[in-house]
Amino acid sequence: MARCARTGHYACVSDLPNRLVAVVFEVSDLDRSVALYQRGFGLDLHRADHHGDDRWTSGDHAAASWSDGAFMHFALYAAKDGTATNQAQVAFAVEDLSVAHRQATLAGAEVLHEPKVQPWGLSARYCDFDGNVIELTQRT
């Protein structure tokens, strides 16, 4: 990822107000969750450990950032007090939902609903190991 010309940092948050720029889940088992999100949901997560005492930006984690179009950051952090994020929902676009569905089930994701037509495309939903809902969507 290139550095942001405005800030010099690798993460360049949009100047547009009131838009989502990051999603962070704290997970009970980081290694297991990273494997699921990489193999099952196709994310290109990178492991790092930002030392410090800031709950929101420090610690062992895996993250992916997208900068094509508006910047977006997704991260999984090891739960710091034993409490994992649960019952949240996030969606990721995929090129081929039939292939993505097969990968998700082989990686151990619990299927909440099989691929079906939605107003925004073809989608399926899964539950991760901490009870979060992951939607995979193919535009039609």
Protein backbone atom coordinates (compact mmCIF):
# COMPACT_ATOMS: atom_id res chain seq x y z
CA MET A 1 0.00 0.00 0.00
CA ALA A 2 1.33 3.45 -0.89
CA ARG A 3 1.65 6.24 1.64
CA CYS A 4 -1.06 8.89 1.76
CA ALA A 5 0.17 12.08 0.10
CA ARG A 6 -1.79 14.22 2.58
CA THR A 7 -0.72 12.57 5.86
CA GLY A 8 2.34 10.48 5.03
CA HIS A 9 0.73 7.46 6.73
CA TYR A 10 -0.17 4.19 5.06
CA ALA A 11 -3.82 4.67 5.97
CA CYS A 12 -5.40 7.62 4.19
CA VAL A 13 -8.89 8.26 5.48
CA SER A 14 -11.29 10.03 3.17
CA ASP A 15 -11.98 13.73 3.59
CA LEU A 16 -15.67 12.94 3.08
CA PRO A 17 -17.57 13.29 6.36
CA ASN A 18 -19.96 10.80 7.90
CA ARG A 19 -18.86 7.62 6.13
CA LEU A 20 -17.66 4.28 7.42
CA VAL A 21 -13.86 3.90 7.32
CA ALA A 22 -13.15 0.96 9.65
CA VAL A 23 -14.63 -2.20 11.14
CA VAL A 24 -12.84 -3.89 14.04
CA PHE A 25 -13.83 -7.17 15.69
CA GLU A 26 -12.24 -8.48 18.87
CA VAL A 27 -12.08 -12.29 18.58
CA SER A 28 -11.65 -15.06 21.15
CA ASP A 29 -9.09 -17.03 19.10
CA LEU A 30 -7.12 -14.85 16.69
CA ASP A 31 -5.31 -17.68 14.87
CA ARG A 32 -8.53 -19.60 14.24
CA SER A 33 -10.41 -16.47 13.17
CA VAL A 34 -7.64 -15.33 10.83
CA ALA A 35 -7.68 -18.75 9.15
CA LEU A 36 -11.46 -18.54 8.69
CA TYR A 37 -11.44 -15.00 7.30
CA GLN A 38 -8.52 -15.76 4.98
CA ARG A 39 -9.46 -19.24 3.73
CA GLY A 40 -13.21 -19.01 4.13
CA PHE A 41 -13.99 -15.42 3.28
CA GLY A 42 -11.02 -14.65 1.01
CA LEU A 43 -9.58 -11.67 2.90
CA ASP A 44 -5.92 -10.75 2.46
CA LEU A 45 -5.22 -10.25 6.17
CA HIS A 46 -1.78 -9.26 7.41
CA ARG A 47 -0.65 -10.03 10.99
CA ALA A 48 0.99 -7.40 13.17
CA ASP A 49 1.43 -6.53 16.83
CA HIS A 50 1.22 -2.85 17.65
CA HIS A 51 2.69 -2.57 21.12
CA GLY A 52 1.12 -0.11 23.52
CA ASP A 53 -1.74 0.27 25.93
CA ASP A 54 -4.45 1.68 23.64
CA ARG A 55 -7.23 -0.91 23.54
CA TRP A 56 -8.35 0.19 20.07
CA THR A 57 -5.01 0.30 18.23
CA SER A 58 -2.59 -1.88 20.23
CA GLY A 59 -2.07 -5.60 20.33
CA ASP A 60 -1.90 -8.71 18.21
CA HIS A 61 -4.15 -8.39 15.18
CA ALA A 62 -4.67 -9.11 11.50
CA ALA A 63 -5.96 -6.47 9.10
CA ALA A 64 -6.77 -5.63 5.52
CA SER A 65 -7.24 -2.20 3.99
CA TRP A 66 -8.75 -1.20 0.69
CA SER A 67 -7.78 2.03 -0.99
CA ASP A 68 -9.30 1.58 -4.43
CA GLY A 69 -12.10 4.09 -4.23
CA ALA A 70 -12.71 5.31 -0.70
CA PHE A 71 -10.45 3.93 2.06
CA MET A 72 -11.82 1.09 4.22
CA HIS A 73 -10.04 -0.87 6.97
CA PHE A 74 -11.07 -4.22 8.52
CA ALA A 75 -9.24 -5.74 11.49
CA LEU A 76 -9.47 -8.70 13.83
CA TYR A 77 -7.86 -8.10 17.23
CA ALA A 78 -7.25 -10.65 19.94
CA ALA A 79 -9.83 -9.98 22.68
CA LYS A 80 -8.06 -8.16 25.49
CA ASP A 81 -10.40 -8.95 28.37
CA GLY A 82 -11.84 -12.23 27.13
CA THR A 83 -14.87 -10.51 25.62
CA ALA A 84 -15.20 -10.98 21.86
CA THR A 85 -17.31 -8.95 19.48
CA ASN A 86 -20.48 -10.89 18.69
CA GLN A 87 -23.76 -10.43 16.87
CA ALA A 88 -22.25 -7.82 14.54
CA GLN A 89 -22.73 -8.14 10.79
CA VAL A 90 -20.34 -7.27 7.98
CA ALA A 91 -20.52 -7.96 4.24
CA PHE A 92 -17.82 -8.53 1.63
CA ALA A 93 -18.15 -8.50 -2.15
CA VAL A 94 -16.98 -11.59 -4.02
CA GLU A 95 -16.57 -12.31 -7.72
CA ASP A 96 -18.13 -15.80 -7.70
CA LEU A 97 -20.44 -16.68 -4.83
CA SER A 98 -20.57 -20.38 -5.66
CA VAL A 99 -16.78 -20.64 -5.26
CA ALA A 100 -16.79 -18.38 -2.18
CA HIS A 101 -19.60 -20.42 -0.59
CA ARG A 102 -17.62 -23.63 -1.05
CA GLN A 103 -14.51 -22.02 0.50
CA ALA A 104 -16.49 -20.67 3.47
CA THR A 105 -18.05 -24.03 4.29
CA LEU A 106 -14.76 -25.92 3.86
CA ALA A 107 -13.09 -23.45 6.25
CA GLY A 108 -15.69 -24.17 8.95
CA ALA A 109 -18.08 -21.24 8.67
CA GLU A 110 -21.59 -22.04 9.86
CA VAL A 111 -24.06 -21.44 7.02
CA LEU A 112 -26.96 -19.22 8.10
CA HIS A 113 -28.48 -19.17 4.65
CA GLU A 114 -27.46 -20.63 1.32
CA PRO A 115 -26.82 -18.33 -1.66
CA LYS A 116 -30.03 -16.58 -2.67
CA VAL A 117 -31.12 -13.60 -4.74
CA GLN A 118 -31.33 -10.32 -2.83
CA PRO A 119 -32.17 -6.83 -4.16
CA TRP A 120 -28.41 -5.98 -4.25
CA GLY A 121 -27.22 -9.27 -5.80
CA LEU A 122 -26.68 -12.90 -4.90
CA SER A 123 -25.72 -13.38 -1.25
CA ALA A 124 -25.15 -15.95 1.49
CA ARG A 125 -24.66 -15.47 5.21
CA TYR A 126 -22.40 -17.29 7.64
CA CYS A 127 -21.61 -17.20 11.32
CA ASP A 128 -17.99 -16.85 12.43
CA PHE A 129 -16.60 -18.57 15.54
CA ASP A 130 -17.66 -15.69 17.83
CA GLY A 131 -21.23 -15.32 16.56
CA ASN A 132 -20.78 -12.50 14.04
CA VAL A 133 -22.68 -12.64 10.76
CA ILE A 134 -20.58 -12.51 7.60
CA GLU A 135 -22.36 -11.88 4.31
CA LEU A 136 -20.72 -12.66 1.00
CA THR A 137 -22.32 -10.91 -1.96
CA GLN A 138 -21.88 -11.24 -5.70
CA ARG A 139 -23.28 -8.36 -7.75
CA THR A 140 -25.60 -9.50 -10.50
